[in-house]
């Protein structure tokens, strides 16, 4: 029996500062999308979530959170909160992001966000964060069928 599509739902997963955490988060994302009959979004959502999760793991020093939110049956918002308040381009600015140079070890993530996300954004969080932590930032992308 095929799964029915839930038009609105949200999941949050708090992750430790552990190199295995981004992989577990991507597995969770695939399972959630399969459960809600949105598997057609999985490949792009996983790619973009992987970039946001890698950014949180590499550039913050504490736990971080993945949040998935359905925006109807064909649109998904993927966001990641972490404790580092720095907003990287393209999330906080309209500055162009050039394709990474051949052989470059960094710079692909932001280019992928621009190429595959239907929409994206980010903002600093002042005061207390989502789990009682101080501030940080929230970066998000939208994926559409």
N, C-alpha and C. Protein backbone atom coordinates (compact mmCIF):
# COMPACT_ATOMS: atom_id res chain seq x y z
N UNK A 1 0.84 -1.17 0.00
CA UNK A 1 0.00 0.00 0.00
C UNK A 1 0.89 1.24 0.00
N UNK A 2 0.71 2.18 -0.93
CA UNK A 2 1.55 3.38 -0.97
C UNK A 2 1.26 4.28 0.23
N UNK A 3 2.31 4.98 0.65
CA UNK A 3 2.16 5.92 1.76
C UNK A 3 1.36 7.13 1.31
N UNK A 4 0.60 7.69 2.21
CA UNK A 4 -0.14 8.90 1.88
C UNK A 4 0.74 10.10 2.16
N UNK A 5 0.52 11.16 1.42
CA UNK A 5 1.33 12.36 1.56
C UNK A 5 0.75 13.24 2.65
N UNK A 6 1.58 13.58 3.62
CA UNK A 6 1.18 14.52 4.66
C UNK A 6 1.57 15.91 4.18
N UNK A 7 0.62 16.83 4.05
CA UNK A 7 0.94 18.14 3.50
C UNK A 7 1.82 18.99 4.40
N UNK A 8 1.81 18.74 5.70
CA UNK A 8 2.60 19.57 6.59
C UNK A 8 3.12 18.73 7.74
N UNK A 9 4.42 18.74 7.94
CA UNK A 9 5.06 18.04 9.04
C UNK A 9 6.44 18.64 9.25
N UNK A 10 7.04 18.36 10.40
CA UNK A 10 8.39 18.85 10.70
C UNK A 10 9.09 17.84 11.60
N UNK A 11 10.38 17.70 11.39
CA UNK A 11 11.25 16.86 12.21
C UNK A 11 12.49 17.66 12.57
N UNK A 12 13.00 17.43 13.77
CA UNK A 12 14.27 18.02 14.20
C UNK A 12 15.16 16.91 14.73
N UNK A 13 16.43 16.99 14.44
CA UNK A 13 17.40 16.02 14.90
C UNK A 13 18.62 16.77 15.42
N UNK A 14 18.85 16.69 16.73
CA UNK A 14 20.04 17.32 17.30
C UNK A 14 21.21 16.38 17.14
N UNK A 15 22.32 16.92 16.68
CA UNK A 15 23.51 16.13 16.35
C UNK A 15 24.70 16.55 17.20
N UNK A 16 25.51 15.58 17.62
CA UNK A 16 26.71 15.91 18.38
C UNK A 16 27.85 16.32 17.45
N UNK A 17 28.86 16.91 18.00
CA UNK A 17 30.07 17.26 17.25
C UNK A 17 30.87 15.97 17.06
N UNK A 18 30.46 15.19 16.07
CA UNK A 18 31.02 13.86 15.82
C UNK A 18 31.08 13.67 14.31
N UNK A 19 32.17 13.15 13.77
CA UNK A 19 32.29 13.02 12.32
C UNK A 19 31.25 12.09 11.70
N UNK A 20 30.61 11.23 12.47
CA UNK A 20 29.59 10.32 11.95
C UNK A 20 28.21 10.97 11.87
N UNK A 21 28.02 12.09 12.55
CA UNK A 21 26.71 12.72 12.66
C UNK A 21 26.11 13.14 11.31
N UNK A 22 26.87 13.77 10.39
CA UNK A 22 26.25 14.15 9.11
C UNK A 22 25.71 12.95 8.34
N UNK A 23 26.39 11.82 8.37
CA UNK A 23 25.91 10.63 7.69
C UNK A 23 24.62 10.11 8.29
N UNK A 24 24.54 10.11 9.61
CA UNK A 24 23.31 9.69 10.29
C UNK A 24 22.16 10.64 9.95
N UNK A 25 22.46 11.91 9.86
CA UNK A 25 21.42 12.89 9.52
C UNK A 25 20.92 12.67 8.09
N UNK A 26 21.81 12.37 7.16
CA UNK A 26 21.38 12.11 5.77
C UNK A 26 20.52 10.85 5.70
N UNK A 27 20.87 9.81 6.46
CA UNK A 27 20.06 8.60 6.51
C UNK A 27 18.66 8.91 7.06
N UNK A 28 18.62 9.72 8.10
CA UNK A 28 17.33 10.12 8.68
C UNK A 28 16.50 10.88 7.66
N UNK A 29 17.13 11.79 6.95
CA UNK A 29 16.42 12.56 5.91
C UNK A 29 15.79 11.63 4.88
N UNK A 30 16.55 10.66 4.38
CA UNK A 30 16.00 9.72 3.39
C UNK A 30 14.81 8.95 3.96
N UNK A 31 14.93 8.49 5.20
CA UNK A 31 13.84 7.74 5.83
C UNK A 31 12.58 8.59 5.99
N UNK A 32 12.76 9.82 6.42
CA UNK A 32 11.62 10.72 6.61
C UNK A 32 10.93 10.98 5.27
N UNK A 33 11.69 11.25 4.24
CA UNK A 33 11.08 11.53 2.94
C UNK A 33 10.38 10.30 2.38
N UNK A 34 10.96 9.13 2.57
CA UNK A 34 10.31 7.90 2.12
C UNK A 34 8.99 7.69 2.88
N UNK A 35 9.00 7.94 4.19
CA UNK A 35 7.80 7.78 5.01
C UNK A 35 6.67 8.69 4.55
N UNK A 36 7.02 9.89 4.08
CA UNK A 36 6.01 10.87 3.68
C UNK A 36 5.81 10.92 2.17
N UNK A 37 6.22 9.85 1.47
CA UNK A 37 6.01 9.75 0.02
C UNK A 37 6.60 10.93 -0.75
N UNK A 38 7.78 11.36 -0.31
CA UNK A 38 8.47 12.47 -0.99
C UNK A 38 9.86 12.05 -1.45
N UNK A 39 10.02 10.77 -1.78
CA UNK A 39 11.33 10.24 -2.16
C UNK A 39 11.92 10.93 -3.38
N UNK A 40 11.07 11.52 -4.23
CA UNK A 40 11.59 12.20 -5.42
C UNK A 40 12.46 13.40 -5.06
N UNK A 41 12.34 13.89 -3.84
CA UNK A 41 13.17 15.01 -3.39
C UNK A 41 14.46 14.56 -2.71
N UNK A 42 14.59 13.26 -2.45
CA UNK A 42 15.67 12.76 -1.59
C UNK A 42 17.07 13.07 -2.12
N UNK A 43 17.32 12.86 -3.39
CA UNK A 43 18.67 13.04 -3.91
C UNK A 43 19.16 14.49 -3.74
N UNK A 44 18.34 15.43 -4.19
CA UNK A 44 18.73 16.85 -4.08
C UNK A 44 18.74 17.29 -2.62
N UNK A 45 17.74 16.87 -1.84
CA UNK A 45 17.69 17.25 -0.43
C UNK A 45 18.90 16.72 0.33
N UNK A 46 19.29 15.50 0.04
CA UNK A 46 20.45 14.91 0.72
C UNK A 46 21.74 15.63 0.33
N UNK A 47 21.89 15.97 -0.92
CA UNK A 47 23.08 16.70 -1.37
C UNK A 47 23.19 18.04 -0.65
N UNK A 48 22.09 18.79 -0.63
CA UNK A 48 22.11 20.11 0.00
C UNK A 48 22.22 20.03 1.52
N UNK A 49 21.51 19.08 2.13
CA UNK A 49 21.63 18.89 3.58
C UNK A 49 23.07 18.53 3.93
N UNK A 50 23.69 17.69 3.11
CA UNK A 50 25.09 17.32 3.35
C UNK A 50 26.00 18.53 3.40
N UNK A 51 25.77 19.50 2.53
CA UNK A 51 26.59 20.71 2.53
C UNK A 51 26.36 21.54 3.79
N UNK A 52 25.09 21.70 4.18
CA UNK A 52 24.79 22.46 5.40
C UNK A 52 25.34 21.76 6.64
N UNK A 53 25.21 20.44 6.69
CA UNK A 53 25.71 19.67 7.83
C UNK A 53 27.23 19.72 7.91
N UNK A 54 27.89 19.62 6.77
CA UNK A 54 29.36 19.69 6.75
C UNK A 54 29.83 21.06 7.25
N UNK A 55 29.14 22.11 6.82
CA UNK A 55 29.47 23.46 7.27
C UNK A 55 29.34 23.55 8.80
N UNK A 56 28.25 23.02 9.34
CA UNK A 56 28.03 23.06 10.79
C UNK A 56 29.10 22.26 11.53
N UNK A 57 29.42 21.08 11.02
CA UNK A 57 30.43 20.25 11.67
C UNK A 57 31.82 20.90 11.64
N UNK A 58 32.17 21.43 10.47
CA UNK A 58 33.52 21.99 10.31
C UNK A 58 33.72 23.34 10.98
N UNK A 59 32.68 24.17 11.04
CA UNK A 59 32.87 25.55 11.47
C UNK A 59 32.20 25.91 12.79
N UNK A 60 31.67 24.93 13.50
CA UNK A 60 31.16 25.19 14.85
C UNK A 60 31.81 24.18 15.78
N UNK A 61 31.76 24.45 17.05
CA UNK A 61 32.45 23.56 17.98
C UNK A 61 31.51 22.86 18.96
N UNK A 62 30.24 22.84 18.66
CA UNK A 62 29.28 22.20 19.55
C UNK A 62 28.24 21.44 18.76
N UNK A 63 27.17 21.04 19.42
CA UNK A 63 26.11 20.33 18.72
C UNK A 63 25.43 21.24 17.70
N UNK A 64 24.77 20.62 16.76
CA UNK A 64 24.02 21.36 15.74
C UNK A 64 22.75 20.58 15.46
N UNK A 65 21.80 21.21 14.77
CA UNK A 65 20.49 20.63 14.58
C UNK A 65 20.06 20.66 13.12
N UNK A 66 19.57 19.52 12.64
CA UNK A 66 18.94 19.43 11.32
C UNK A 66 17.44 19.52 11.52
N UNK A 67 16.78 20.33 10.71
CA UNK A 67 15.32 20.43 10.76
C UNK A 67 14.79 20.24 9.35
N UNK A 68 13.77 19.41 9.23
CA UNK A 68 13.10 19.16 7.96
C UNK A 68 11.66 19.60 8.12
N UNK A 69 11.15 20.34 7.14
CA UNK A 69 9.76 20.81 7.21
C UNK A 69 9.13 20.74 5.83
N UNK A 70 8.03 19.99 5.74
CA UNK A 70 7.27 19.93 4.48
C UNK A 70 6.51 21.23 4.30
N UNK A 71 6.50 21.70 3.08
CA UNK A 71 5.76 22.90 2.73
C UNK A 71 4.83 22.50 1.59
N UNK A 72 3.86 21.66 1.92
CA UNK A 72 3.01 21.06 0.91
C UNK A 72 3.58 19.70 0.53
N UNK A 73 3.02 19.12 -0.51
CA UNK A 73 3.43 17.77 -0.90
C UNK A 73 4.61 17.73 -1.86
N UNK A 74 5.05 18.89 -2.36
CA UNK A 74 6.14 18.90 -3.35
C UNK A 74 7.28 19.83 -2.98
N UNK A 75 7.30 20.33 -1.76
CA UNK A 75 8.33 21.29 -1.35
C UNK A 75 8.81 20.95 0.05
N UNK A 76 10.12 21.02 0.25
CA UNK A 76 10.75 20.70 1.52
C UNK A 76 11.73 21.80 1.89
N UNK A 77 11.70 22.21 3.15
CA UNK A 77 12.71 23.14 3.66
C UNK A 77 13.64 22.34 4.57
N UNK A 78 14.93 22.42 4.29
CA UNK A 78 15.98 21.78 5.08
C UNK A 78 16.76 22.91 5.74
N UNK A 79 16.88 22.88 7.05
CA UNK A 79 17.66 23.91 7.73
C UNK A 79 18.59 23.27 8.74
N UNK A 80 19.69 23.99 9.00
CA UNK A 80 20.67 23.54 9.98
C UNK A 80 21.02 24.72 10.86
N UNK A 81 20.90 24.50 12.17
CA UNK A 81 21.31 25.48 13.17
C UNK A 81 22.65 25.03 13.73
N UNK A 82 23.56 26.01 13.94
CA UNK A 82 24.79 25.74 14.67
C UNK A 82 25.17 26.97 15.48
N UNK A 83 26.17 26.84 16.31
CA UNK A 83 26.53 27.89 17.26
C UNK A 83 27.43 28.98 16.68
N UNK A 84 27.93 28.81 15.47
CA UNK A 84 28.78 29.82 14.84
C UNK A 84 27.90 30.87 14.16
N UNK A 85 28.01 32.16 14.56
CA UNK A 85 27.12 33.17 13.99
C UNK A 85 27.47 33.64 12.57
N UNK A 86 28.63 33.23 12.03
CA UNK A 86 29.04 33.67 10.69
C UNK A 86 28.12 33.09 9.61
N UNK A 87 27.57 33.97 8.76
CA UNK A 87 26.70 33.57 7.66
C UNK A 87 27.54 33.57 6.38
N UNK A 88 27.80 32.39 5.79
CA UNK A 88 28.59 32.36 4.56
C UNK A 88 27.75 32.77 3.35
N UNK A 89 28.42 33.31 2.31
CA UNK A 89 27.73 33.55 1.05
C UNK A 89 27.38 32.17 0.50
N UNK A 90 26.30 31.98 -0.17
CA UNK A 90 25.33 32.92 -0.67
C UNK A 90 24.19 33.19 0.30
N UNK A 91 24.25 32.70 1.53
CA UNK A 91 23.11 32.78 2.43
C UNK A 91 22.83 34.19 2.93
N UNK A 92 23.86 34.98 3.16
CA UNK A 92 23.64 36.30 3.71
C UNK A 92 23.84 37.43 2.73
N UNK A 93 24.21 37.11 1.50
CA UNK A 93 24.50 38.17 0.53
C UNK A 93 24.12 37.71 -0.87
N UNK A 94 23.98 38.67 -1.77
CA UNK A 94 23.66 38.37 -3.16
C UNK A 94 24.92 38.32 -4.03
N UNK A 95 26.08 38.25 -3.40
CA UNK A 95 27.33 38.21 -4.14
C UNK A 95 27.38 36.94 -4.99
N UNK A 96 27.89 37.05 -6.22
CA UNK A 96 27.98 35.86 -7.07
C UNK A 96 28.96 34.85 -6.48
N UNK A 97 28.65 33.59 -6.68
CA UNK A 97 29.54 32.51 -6.24
C UNK A 97 30.07 31.85 -7.50
N UNK A 98 31.38 31.93 -7.70
CA UNK A 98 32.00 31.36 -8.89
C UNK A 98 32.13 29.85 -8.76
N UNK A 99 32.10 29.14 -9.88
CA UNK A 99 32.33 27.70 -9.82
C UNK A 99 33.72 27.43 -9.22
N UNK A 100 33.86 26.36 -8.46
CA UNK A 100 35.16 26.07 -7.87
C UNK A 100 36.18 25.73 -8.94
N UNK A 101 37.42 26.06 -8.69
CA UNK A 101 38.48 25.74 -9.63
C UNK A 101 38.75 24.24 -9.59
N UNK A 102 39.17 23.70 -10.70
CA UNK A 102 39.49 22.28 -10.79
C UNK A 102 40.55 21.92 -9.75
N UNK A 103 40.29 20.90 -8.98
CA UNK A 103 41.24 20.46 -7.96
C UNK A 103 41.10 21.17 -6.63
N UNK A 104 40.23 22.18 -6.54
CA UNK A 104 40.05 22.90 -5.28
C UNK A 104 39.43 21.98 -4.24
N UNK A 105 39.91 22.09 -3.00
CA UNK A 105 39.40 21.25 -1.92
C UNK A 105 38.20 21.87 -1.23
N UNK A 106 37.95 23.15 -1.43
CA UNK A 106 36.82 23.83 -0.80
C UNK A 106 36.10 24.69 -1.83
N UNK A 107 34.88 25.12 -1.47
CA UNK A 107 34.15 26.04 -2.33
C UNK A 107 33.05 25.41 -3.17
N UNK A 108 32.93 24.10 -3.14
CA UNK A 108 31.90 23.44 -3.94
C UNK A 108 30.51 23.57 -3.33
N UNK A 109 30.43 23.57 -2.01
CA UNK A 109 29.14 23.58 -1.32
C UNK A 109 28.28 24.77 -1.67
N UNK A 110 28.85 25.95 -1.64
CA UNK A 110 28.08 27.15 -1.93
C UNK A 110 27.64 27.17 -3.39
N UNK A 111 28.48 26.68 -4.27
CA UNK A 111 28.13 26.58 -5.68
C UNK A 111 26.96 25.60 -5.86
N UNK A 112 26.99 24.47 -5.14
CA UNK A 112 25.91 23.49 -5.23
C UNK A 112 24.59 24.05 -4.73
N UNK A 113 24.65 24.83 -3.66
CA UNK A 113 23.42 25.45 -3.13
C UNK A 113 22.81 26.33 -4.21
N UNK A 114 23.61 27.17 -4.83
CA UNK A 114 23.10 28.05 -5.88
C UNK A 114 22.55 27.26 -7.07
N UNK A 115 23.18 26.14 -7.39
CA UNK A 115 22.78 25.37 -8.57
C UNK A 115 21.53 24.52 -8.34
N UNK A 116 21.33 24.00 -7.11
CA UNK A 116 20.28 23.01 -6.90
C UNK A 116 19.14 23.44 -5.98
N UNK A 117 19.33 24.43 -5.15
CA UNK A 117 18.25 24.85 -4.25
C UNK A 117 17.26 25.75 -4.98
N UNK A 118 15.98 25.55 -4.71
CA UNK A 118 14.96 26.43 -5.28
C UNK A 118 15.01 27.79 -4.61
N UNK A 119 15.42 27.82 -3.37
CA UNK A 119 15.53 29.04 -2.59
C UNK A 119 16.47 28.76 -1.43
N UNK A 120 17.07 29.78 -0.84
CA UNK A 120 17.98 29.60 0.28
C UNK A 120 18.04 30.87 1.10
N UNK A 121 18.52 30.74 2.30
CA UNK A 121 18.68 31.91 3.15
C UNK A 121 19.40 31.54 4.43
N UNK A 122 19.67 32.55 5.22
CA UNK A 122 20.33 32.33 6.49
C UNK A 122 20.22 33.57 7.33
N UNK A 123 20.25 33.39 8.63
CA UNK A 123 20.22 34.55 9.51
C UNK A 123 20.85 34.20 10.85
N UNK A 124 21.47 35.21 11.47
CA UNK A 124 22.06 34.99 12.80
C UNK A 124 20.95 34.92 13.84
N UNK A 125 21.20 34.18 14.89
CA UNK A 125 20.25 34.07 15.99
C UNK A 125 20.90 34.69 17.23
N UNK A 126 20.38 35.81 17.66
CA UNK A 126 20.90 36.44 18.86
C UNK A 126 20.30 35.83 20.11
N UNK A 127 20.88 36.12 21.23
CA UNK A 127 20.33 35.63 22.50
C UNK A 127 20.48 34.14 22.65
N UNK A 128 19.42 33.48 23.03
CA UNK A 128 19.45 32.06 23.29
C UNK A 128 19.04 31.29 22.04
N UNK A 129 19.80 30.24 21.72
CA UNK A 129 19.54 29.42 20.56
C UNK A 129 18.41 28.44 20.79
N UNK A 130 18.24 27.53 19.85
CA UNK A 130 17.13 26.58 19.87
C UNK A 130 17.12 25.68 21.10
N UNK A 131 18.27 25.33 21.60
CA UNK A 131 18.35 24.39 22.72
C UNK A 131 19.04 25.02 23.93
N UNK A 132 18.83 26.33 24.13
CA UNK A 132 19.42 27.00 25.27
C UNK A 132 20.86 27.43 25.04
N UNK A 133 21.39 27.18 23.84
CA UNK A 133 22.74 27.60 23.53
C UNK A 133 22.73 29.05 23.08
N UNK A 134 23.86 29.69 23.15
CA UNK A 134 23.95 31.10 22.78
C UNK A 134 23.92 31.27 21.27
N UNK A 135 22.91 31.94 20.77
CA UNK A 135 22.81 32.41 19.39
C UNK A 135 23.17 31.43 18.31
N UNK A 136 24.14 31.81 17.50
CA UNK A 136 24.53 31.02 16.35
C UNK A 136 23.84 31.50 15.10
N UNK A 137 23.55 30.56 14.19
CA UNK A 137 22.90 30.91 12.93
C UNK A 137 22.01 29.77 12.48
N UNK A 138 21.14 30.09 11.54
CA UNK A 138 20.30 29.10 10.88
C UNK A 138 20.47 29.29 9.38
N UNK A 139 20.89 28.25 8.69
CA UNK A 139 20.98 28.26 7.22
C UNK A 139 19.90 27.32 6.71
N UNK A 140 19.22 27.70 5.62
CA UNK A 140 18.16 26.86 5.08
C UNK A 140 18.17 26.86 3.56
N UNK A 141 17.65 25.78 3.01
CA UNK A 141 17.45 25.65 1.57
C UNK A 141 16.08 25.04 1.34
N UNK A 142 15.51 25.32 0.19
CA UNK A 142 14.25 24.69 -0.20
C UNK A 142 14.48 23.83 -1.43
N UNK A 143 13.84 22.67 -1.42
CA UNK A 143 13.90 21.73 -2.52
C UNK A 143 12.47 21.55 -3.01
N UNK A 144 12.30 21.57 -4.33
CA UNK A 144 10.97 21.37 -4.93
C UNK A 144 11.01 20.24 -5.92
N UNK A 145 9.87 19.56 -6.04
CA UNK A 145 9.75 18.47 -7.02
C UNK A 145 9.75 19.02 -8.42
